[in-house]
N, C-alpha and C. Protein backbone atom coordinates (compact mmCIF):
# COMPACT_ATOMS: atom_id res chain seq x y z
N MET A 1 229.38 -85.09 149.03
CA MET A 1 228.85 -84.73 150.25
C MET A 1 227.30 -84.84 150.06
N SER A 2 226.71 -84.32 149.09
CA SER A 2 225.02 -84.49 148.98
C SER A 2 224.88 -85.88 148.94
N ALA A 3 225.49 -86.65 148.56
CA ALA A 3 225.11 -88.00 148.22
C ALA A 3 225.00 -88.82 149.67
N GLN A 4 225.74 -88.53 150.56
CA GLN A 4 225.70 -89.07 151.78
C GLN A 4 224.39 -88.98 152.52
N PRO A 5 223.83 -87.74 152.74
CA PRO A 5 222.57 -87.60 153.49
C PRO A 5 221.49 -88.37 152.67
N GLN A 6 221.58 -88.35 151.51
CA GLN A 6 220.40 -89.03 150.60
C GLN A 6 220.54 -90.39 150.74
N ALA A 7 221.66 -90.96 150.83
CA ALA A 7 221.88 -92.47 151.19
C ALA A 7 221.43 -92.88 152.40
N ARG A 8 221.85 -92.06 153.32
CA ARG A 8 221.24 -92.53 154.86
C ARG A 8 219.80 -92.35 154.79
N GLY A 9 219.08 -91.29 154.14
CA GLY A 9 217.79 -91.22 154.10
C GLY A 9 217.04 -92.23 153.43
N SER A 10 217.68 -92.81 152.56
CA SER A 10 216.92 -94.06 151.62
C SER A 10 217.18 -95.32 152.51
N LEU A 11 218.17 -95.39 153.02
CA LEU A 11 218.38 -96.53 154.12
C LEU A 11 217.39 -96.39 155.30
N ARG A 12 217.10 -95.25 155.70
CA ARG A 12 216.18 -95.29 156.85
C ARG A 12 214.84 -95.46 156.31
N SER A 13 214.35 -95.02 154.87
CA SER A 13 212.96 -95.16 154.47
C SER A 13 212.97 -96.75 154.13
N THR A 14 214.04 -97.28 153.74
CA THR A 14 213.97 -98.74 153.43
C THR A 14 213.78 -99.61 154.68
N GLY A 15 214.33 -99.02 155.80
CA GLY A 15 214.23 -99.80 157.19
C GLY A 15 212.74 -99.65 157.57
N ALA A 16 212.23 -98.50 157.39
CA ALA A 16 211.02 -98.12 157.72
C ALA A 16 209.91 -99.05 156.98
N GLY A 17 210.23 -99.04 155.63
CA GLY A 17 209.30 -99.71 154.54
C GLY A 17 209.51 -101.15 155.10
N HIS A 18 210.65 -101.80 155.33
CA HIS A 18 210.72 -103.25 155.88
C HIS A 18 210.01 -103.66 157.08
N ARG A 19 209.96 -102.47 157.91
CA ARG A 19 209.28 -102.95 159.24
C ARG A 19 207.59 -102.69 158.92
N ALA A 20 207.18 -101.84 158.17
CA ALA A 20 205.79 -101.63 157.91
C ALA A 20 205.43 -102.92 157.02
N VAL A 21 206.14 -103.57 156.25
CA VAL A 21 205.74 -104.72 155.62
C VAL A 21 205.56 -105.68 156.61
N MET A 22 206.81 -105.82 157.29
CA MET A 22 206.59 -106.96 158.29
C MET A 22 205.58 -106.93 159.30
N ALA A 23 205.13 -105.70 159.74
CA ALA A 23 204.04 -105.51 160.62
C ALA A 23 202.47 -105.93 159.74
N TRP A 24 202.38 -105.39 158.73
CA TRP A 24 201.29 -105.84 157.98
C TRP A 24 201.28 -107.37 157.85
N ARG A 25 202.36 -108.03 157.31
CA ARG A 25 202.36 -109.31 157.26
C ARG A 25 202.01 -110.09 158.43
N LEU A 26 202.62 -109.73 159.67
CA LEU A 26 202.30 -110.40 160.88
C LEU A 26 200.64 -110.19 161.28
N LEU A 27 200.15 -109.03 160.79
CA LEU A 27 198.74 -108.96 161.26
C LEU A 27 197.86 -109.91 160.10
N SER A 28 198.36 -109.75 158.90
CA SER A 28 197.68 -110.90 157.93
C SER A 28 197.89 -112.30 158.46
N GLY A 29 199.09 -112.50 158.82
CA GLY A 29 199.11 -114.04 159.37
C GLY A 29 198.13 -114.28 160.51
N LEU A 30 197.98 -113.20 161.56
CA LEU A 30 197.11 -113.28 162.64
C LEU A 30 195.64 -113.45 162.26
N MET A 31 195.25 -112.87 161.20
CA MET A 31 194.04 -112.98 160.59
C MET A 31 193.74 -114.50 159.96
N LEU A 32 194.68 -114.84 159.16
CA LEU A 32 194.50 -116.23 158.73
C LEU A 32 194.46 -117.10 159.70
N LEU A 33 195.28 -116.99 160.87
CA LEU A 33 195.15 -118.03 161.97
C LEU A 33 193.78 -117.84 162.61
N ALA A 34 193.20 -116.70 162.76
CA ALA A 34 191.77 -116.39 163.40
C ALA A 34 190.89 -117.37 162.79
N MET A 35 190.83 -117.07 161.36
CA MET A 35 189.92 -117.74 160.36
C MET A 35 190.09 -119.12 160.52
N ALA A 36 191.27 -119.88 160.61
CA ALA A 36 191.60 -121.20 160.81
C ALA A 36 191.15 -121.61 162.15
N GLY A 37 191.36 -120.68 163.21
CA GLY A 37 190.98 -121.12 164.53
C GLY A 37 189.47 -121.37 164.64
N ILE A 38 188.79 -120.51 164.00
CA ILE A 38 187.10 -120.56 164.13
C ILE A 38 186.79 -121.75 163.26
N HIS A 39 187.20 -122.11 162.26
CA HIS A 39 187.02 -123.31 161.66
C HIS A 39 187.30 -124.53 162.43
N LEU A 40 188.44 -124.62 163.09
CA LEU A 40 189.01 -125.80 163.99
C LEU A 40 187.92 -125.91 164.94
N TYR A 41 187.47 -124.68 165.68
CA TYR A 41 186.57 -124.76 166.80
C TYR A 41 185.25 -125.46 166.40
N LEU A 42 184.89 -124.88 165.20
CA LEU A 42 183.61 -125.61 164.61
C LEU A 42 183.74 -127.10 164.31
N ILE A 43 184.83 -127.60 164.00
CA ILE A 43 184.84 -129.07 163.70
C ILE A 43 184.78 -129.76 164.92
N PHE A 44 185.39 -129.15 166.04
CA PHE A 44 185.29 -129.94 167.54
C PHE A 44 183.87 -129.56 168.05
N TYR A 45 183.27 -128.74 167.53
CA TYR A 45 181.83 -128.38 168.05
C TYR A 45 180.90 -129.39 167.50
N GLY A 46 181.34 -130.05 166.59
CA GLY A 46 180.45 -131.12 166.07
C GLY A 46 180.00 -130.93 164.46
N VAL A 47 180.58 -130.07 163.66
CA VAL A 47 180.09 -130.01 162.18
C VAL A 47 180.86 -131.06 161.62
N GLY A 48 180.00 -131.69 160.83
CA GLY A 48 180.43 -132.91 160.23
C GLY A 48 180.23 -133.15 158.94
N GLY A 49 180.30 -134.15 158.09
CA GLY A 49 179.83 -134.23 156.75
C GLY A 49 180.73 -133.56 155.94
N LEU A 50 180.09 -133.23 154.65
CA LEU A 50 180.89 -132.41 153.72
C LEU A 50 181.17 -131.06 154.28
N LEU A 51 180.59 -130.44 155.20
CA LEU A 51 181.02 -129.05 155.58
C LEU A 51 182.26 -129.38 156.62
N GLY A 52 182.26 -130.32 157.41
CA GLY A 52 183.34 -130.57 158.37
C GLY A 52 184.52 -130.89 157.59
N LYS A 53 184.53 -131.47 156.46
CA LYS A 53 185.79 -131.90 155.52
C LYS A 53 186.07 -130.58 155.01
N LEU A 54 185.31 -129.71 154.46
CA LEU A 54 185.81 -128.49 153.88
C LEU A 54 186.23 -127.44 155.01
N PHE A 55 185.99 -127.67 156.23
CA PHE A 55 186.57 -126.93 157.33
C PHE A 55 187.87 -127.59 157.66
N VAL A 56 188.00 -128.76 157.72
CA VAL A 56 189.49 -129.27 157.58
C VAL A 56 190.36 -128.70 156.86
N LEU A 57 190.05 -128.80 155.64
CA LEU A 57 190.81 -128.06 154.50
C LEU A 57 190.99 -126.59 154.62
N ASN A 58 190.04 -125.93 155.22
CA ASN A 58 190.09 -124.62 155.48
C ASN A 58 191.22 -124.24 156.72
N VAL A 59 191.13 -125.18 157.63
CA VAL A 59 192.11 -124.98 158.71
C VAL A 59 193.58 -125.27 158.18
N ILE A 60 193.64 -126.24 157.47
CA ILE A 60 195.14 -126.43 156.75
C ILE A 60 195.45 -125.50 156.07
N GLY A 61 194.71 -124.84 155.10
CA GLY A 61 195.09 -123.80 154.24
C GLY A 61 195.42 -122.61 155.00
N GLY A 62 194.58 -122.33 156.01
CA GLY A 62 194.72 -121.10 156.82
C GLY A 62 196.10 -121.09 157.55
N VAL A 63 196.46 -122.23 158.18
CA VAL A 63 197.77 -122.29 158.84
C VAL A 63 198.85 -122.31 157.94
N VAL A 64 198.90 -122.87 156.93
CA VAL A 64 199.90 -122.95 155.93
C VAL A 64 200.10 -121.54 155.21
N LEU A 65 199.13 -120.93 154.67
CA LEU A 65 199.24 -119.67 154.37
C LEU A 65 199.71 -118.43 155.41
N ALA A 66 199.17 -118.76 156.51
CA ALA A 66 199.60 -117.84 157.59
C ALA A 66 201.16 -117.83 157.78
N VAL A 67 201.80 -119.16 157.85
CA VAL A 67 203.12 -119.27 158.06
C VAL A 67 203.82 -118.73 156.68
N ALA A 68 203.26 -119.17 155.55
CA ALA A 68 203.87 -118.58 154.28
C ALA A 68 203.89 -116.94 154.09
N VAL A 69 202.61 -116.41 154.69
CA VAL A 69 202.72 -114.86 154.76
C VAL A 69 203.77 -114.19 155.66
N VAL A 70 203.88 -114.65 156.89
CA VAL A 70 205.00 -114.33 157.68
C VAL A 70 206.27 -114.58 157.36
N ALA A 71 206.59 -115.55 156.91
CA ALA A 71 207.91 -115.93 156.68
C ALA A 71 208.31 -116.53 155.34
N PRO A 72 207.83 -115.67 154.17
CA PRO A 72 208.06 -116.20 152.88
C PRO A 72 209.62 -116.00 152.33
N PRO A 73 209.97 -117.08 151.46
CA PRO A 73 211.15 -116.83 150.83
C PRO A 73 211.31 -115.63 150.08
N SER A 74 212.29 -114.90 149.97
CA SER A 74 212.36 -113.58 149.49
C SER A 74 211.89 -113.55 147.83
N ARG A 75 212.25 -114.64 147.23
CA ARG A 75 211.86 -114.85 145.73
C ARG A 75 210.31 -114.97 145.49
N LEU A 76 209.69 -115.37 146.54
CA LEU A 76 208.26 -115.50 146.38
C LEU A 76 207.30 -114.30 146.81
N VAL A 77 207.84 -113.29 147.42
CA VAL A 77 207.15 -112.23 148.01
C VAL A 77 206.57 -111.29 146.72
N PRO A 78 205.35 -110.96 146.64
CA PRO A 78 204.21 -111.21 147.51
C PRO A 78 203.08 -112.43 147.35
N LEU A 79 203.57 -113.39 146.54
CA LEU A 79 202.86 -114.43 146.28
C LEU A 79 201.98 -115.06 147.33
N PRO A 80 202.76 -115.32 148.55
CA PRO A 80 201.82 -115.99 149.64
C PRO A 80 200.71 -115.00 150.08
N THR A 81 201.09 -113.84 150.11
CA THR A 81 200.07 -112.73 150.57
C THR A 81 198.80 -112.67 149.62
N VAL A 82 199.07 -112.65 148.32
CA VAL A 82 198.20 -112.74 147.44
C VAL A 82 197.24 -114.09 147.49
N LEU A 83 197.96 -115.01 147.75
CA LEU A 83 197.20 -116.47 147.75
C LEU A 83 196.24 -116.18 149.12
N GLY A 84 196.82 -115.72 150.12
CA GLY A 84 196.30 -115.55 151.51
C GLY A 84 195.00 -114.84 151.13
N LEU A 85 195.09 -113.69 150.46
CA LEU A 85 193.95 -112.71 150.27
C LEU A 85 192.74 -113.54 149.35
N LEU A 86 193.32 -114.24 148.31
CA LEU A 86 192.29 -115.05 147.61
C LEU A 86 191.34 -115.99 148.52
N PHE A 87 192.37 -116.62 149.42
CA PHE A 87 191.86 -117.69 150.26
C PHE A 87 190.68 -117.18 151.15
N MET A 88 191.14 -115.82 151.76
CA MET A 88 190.09 -115.36 152.75
C MET A 88 188.97 -114.81 151.96
N VAL A 89 189.07 -114.41 150.99
CA VAL A 89 188.13 -113.69 150.12
C VAL A 89 187.03 -115.01 149.69
N GLY A 90 187.72 -115.88 149.35
CA GLY A 90 186.89 -117.05 148.85
C GLY A 90 186.33 -117.88 149.95
N THR A 91 186.72 -117.83 151.11
CA THR A 91 186.12 -118.45 152.35
C THR A 91 185.07 -117.58 152.62
N LEU A 92 185.22 -116.11 152.69
CA LEU A 92 184.17 -115.29 153.01
C LEU A 92 182.85 -115.25 152.13
N LEU A 93 183.15 -115.32 150.61
CA LEU A 93 182.20 -115.55 149.78
C LEU A 93 181.50 -116.67 149.91
N ALA A 94 182.14 -118.02 150.35
CA ALA A 94 181.29 -119.23 150.60
C ALA A 94 180.39 -119.12 151.60
N LEU A 95 180.92 -118.34 152.79
CA LEU A 95 179.88 -118.30 153.79
C LEU A 95 178.68 -117.48 153.49
N VAL A 96 178.90 -116.25 152.66
CA VAL A 96 177.81 -115.40 152.23
C VAL A 96 176.84 -116.22 151.21
N LEU A 97 177.49 -117.03 150.48
CA LEU A 97 176.58 -117.72 149.45
C LEU A 97 175.70 -118.84 150.38
N ALA A 98 176.49 -119.49 151.49
CA ALA A 98 175.64 -120.43 152.10
C ALA A 98 174.54 -119.61 153.10
N LEU A 99 174.75 -118.44 153.31
CA LEU A 99 173.75 -117.63 154.01
C LEU A 99 172.55 -117.14 153.13
N THR A 100 172.96 -116.98 151.95
CA THR A 100 171.86 -116.38 151.02
C THR A 100 171.19 -117.43 150.13
N VAL A 101 171.94 -118.02 149.15
CA VAL A 101 171.28 -119.11 148.33
C VAL A 101 171.68 -120.38 148.57
N GLY A 102 172.54 -120.73 149.60
CA GLY A 102 173.03 -122.13 149.67
C GLY A 102 174.27 -122.49 148.91
N LEU A 103 175.11 -123.29 149.43
CA LEU A 103 176.35 -123.72 148.65
C LEU A 103 176.43 -125.19 148.90
N PHE A 104 176.62 -126.03 148.05
CA PHE A 104 176.76 -127.38 147.97
C PHE A 104 175.61 -127.96 148.74
N GLY A 105 174.49 -127.56 148.78
CA GLY A 105 173.26 -128.09 149.47
C GLY A 105 173.43 -127.60 150.77
N ILE A 106 174.18 -126.68 151.28
CA ILE A 106 174.18 -126.37 152.61
C ILE A 106 173.62 -124.75 152.72
N ARG A 107 172.62 -124.80 153.71
CA ARG A 107 172.00 -123.46 153.89
C ARG A 107 172.40 -122.96 155.27
N GLU A 108 173.16 -121.88 155.54
CA GLU A 108 173.56 -121.42 156.80
C GLU A 108 172.74 -120.36 157.34
N VAL A 109 172.61 -120.37 158.61
CA VAL A 109 171.72 -119.15 159.06
C VAL A 109 172.60 -118.39 160.23
N LEU A 110 172.49 -116.94 160.38
CA LEU A 110 173.15 -116.11 161.06
C LEU A 110 173.26 -116.61 162.60
N THR A 111 172.33 -117.38 162.92
CA THR A 111 172.14 -117.64 164.37
C THR A 111 173.11 -118.79 164.95
N PHE A 112 173.64 -119.49 163.80
CA PHE A 112 174.52 -120.54 164.02
C PHE A 112 175.75 -120.14 164.83
N LYS A 113 176.36 -121.03 165.39
CA LYS A 113 177.48 -120.75 166.29
C LYS A 113 178.64 -120.06 165.40
N LEU A 114 178.96 -118.85 165.90
CA LEU A 114 180.24 -118.16 165.32
C LEU A 114 179.98 -117.55 163.88
N VAL A 115 178.67 -117.69 163.32
CA VAL A 115 178.62 -116.92 161.97
C VAL A 115 178.88 -115.50 162.10
N PRO A 116 178.23 -114.75 162.95
CA PRO A 116 178.53 -113.31 162.84
C PRO A 116 180.03 -112.96 163.02
N THR A 117 180.62 -113.86 164.17
CA THR A 117 182.13 -113.69 164.20
C THR A 117 182.81 -113.96 163.25
N THR A 118 182.61 -115.01 162.42
CA THR A 118 183.36 -115.40 161.17
C THR A 118 183.31 -114.26 160.06
N LEU A 119 182.03 -113.75 159.97
CA LEU A 119 181.68 -112.66 158.94
C LEU A 119 182.67 -111.47 159.16
N TRP A 120 182.61 -111.22 160.48
CA TRP A 120 183.61 -110.01 161.01
C TRP A 120 185.00 -110.47 160.61
N VAL A 121 185.40 -111.46 161.12
CA VAL A 121 187.08 -111.73 161.05
C VAL A 121 187.19 -111.91 159.60
N GLU A 122 186.63 -112.58 158.80
CA GLU A 122 187.06 -112.64 157.29
C GLU A 122 186.91 -111.46 156.62
N SER A 123 185.85 -110.54 156.81
CA SER A 123 185.86 -109.15 156.33
C SER A 123 186.88 -108.45 156.59
N ILE A 124 187.44 -108.31 157.86
CA ILE A 124 188.52 -107.56 158.33
C ILE A 124 189.68 -108.12 157.83
N GLY A 125 189.88 -109.32 157.70
CA GLY A 125 191.08 -110.31 157.26
C GLY A 125 191.22 -109.78 155.78
N SER A 126 190.23 -109.87 155.02
CA SER A 126 190.18 -109.47 153.55
C SER A 126 190.89 -108.04 153.42
N VAL A 127 190.26 -107.13 154.09
CA VAL A 127 190.91 -105.92 154.04
C VAL A 127 192.33 -105.59 154.50
N VAL A 128 192.74 -106.45 155.55
CA VAL A 128 194.02 -106.32 156.07
C VAL A 128 195.03 -107.06 155.17
N LEU A 129 194.54 -108.29 154.50
CA LEU A 129 195.40 -108.79 153.43
C LEU A 129 195.61 -107.82 152.14
N ALA A 130 194.35 -107.30 151.62
CA ALA A 130 194.67 -106.23 150.65
C ALA A 130 195.47 -105.26 150.87
N ILE A 131 195.54 -104.77 151.98
CA ILE A 131 196.53 -103.50 152.41
C ILE A 131 197.83 -104.19 152.46
N THR A 132 198.11 -105.36 152.95
CA THR A 132 199.34 -105.90 152.99
C THR A 132 199.84 -106.07 151.39
N VAL A 133 199.16 -106.66 150.55
CA VAL A 133 199.49 -106.88 149.23
C VAL A 133 199.85 -105.49 148.66
N ALA A 134 199.16 -104.38 148.97
CA ALA A 134 199.48 -103.09 148.50
C ALA A 134 200.77 -102.55 148.97
N VAL A 135 200.95 -102.71 150.29
CA VAL A 135 202.22 -102.34 150.92
C VAL A 135 203.43 -103.10 150.40
N GLU A 136 203.28 -104.45 150.31
CA GLU A 136 204.43 -105.10 149.63
C GLU A 136 204.77 -104.68 148.33
N LEU A 137 203.77 -104.53 147.39
CA LEU A 137 203.93 -104.23 146.21
C LEU A 137 204.59 -102.73 146.00
N ARG A 138 204.32 -101.91 147.13
CA ARG A 138 205.01 -100.41 146.95
C ARG A 138 206.27 -100.31 147.80
N SER A 139 206.81 -101.47 148.48
CA SER A 139 207.59 -101.57 149.42
C SER A 139 209.11 -101.07 148.78
N PRO A 140 209.77 -99.99 149.51
CA PRO A 140 211.11 -99.87 148.90
C PRO A 140 212.10 -101.03 148.99
N VAL A 141 211.72 -101.90 149.88
CA VAL A 141 212.51 -103.03 149.94
C VAL A 141 212.54 -104.04 148.75
N ARG A 142 211.30 -104.01 148.45
CA ARG A 142 210.97 -104.83 147.15
C ARG A 142 211.50 -103.95 145.86
N SER A 143 211.42 -102.77 145.60
CA SER A 143 212.10 -102.07 144.60
C SER A 143 213.51 -102.29 144.54
N ALA A 144 214.22 -102.06 145.71
CA ALA A 144 215.47 -102.28 145.79
C ALA A 144 216.10 -103.67 145.47
N ARG A 145 215.23 -104.65 145.70
CA ARG A 145 215.36 -106.01 145.60
C ARG A 145 215.40 -106.16 144.01
N ALA A 146 214.38 -105.58 143.50
CA ALA A 146 214.08 -105.73 142.01
C ALA A 146 215.35 -105.18 141.22
N THR A 147 215.79 -104.18 141.57
CA THR A 147 216.79 -103.39 140.73
C THR A 147 218.14 -103.89 141.16
N GLY A 148 218.31 -104.66 142.30
CA GLY A 148 219.71 -104.87 142.67
C GLY A 148 219.96 -106.36 142.37
């Protein structure tokens, strides 16, 4: 008789854990899409050359990772989120390097279109993705899947 309430409680916590993981994944996917959207806008704004090509790769990577984070196959969880985190942090690091010492011969300035916005989006996105990774690794759904 005491096993029944415990089973119901664990099902509830598993359901709540799944909802939390899905909410963080969705927020992470939105942050990746926001980052990709900024770079897509800058491509249409006229950024060309090597930087334009890198921005195209950033857009493609951001969209692919956003989809992979939101709807990953269960066997790959949390790999897409970890890759999304690394991608977001790498993009942020590239911008910081371009603002400070230069990167690939490119020196960026804070007054260029959307640079401050990009710094905010990528900083917040890095934090959101880091939390998502932590939530996924601690998820009772993941623990139940690993033992089952």
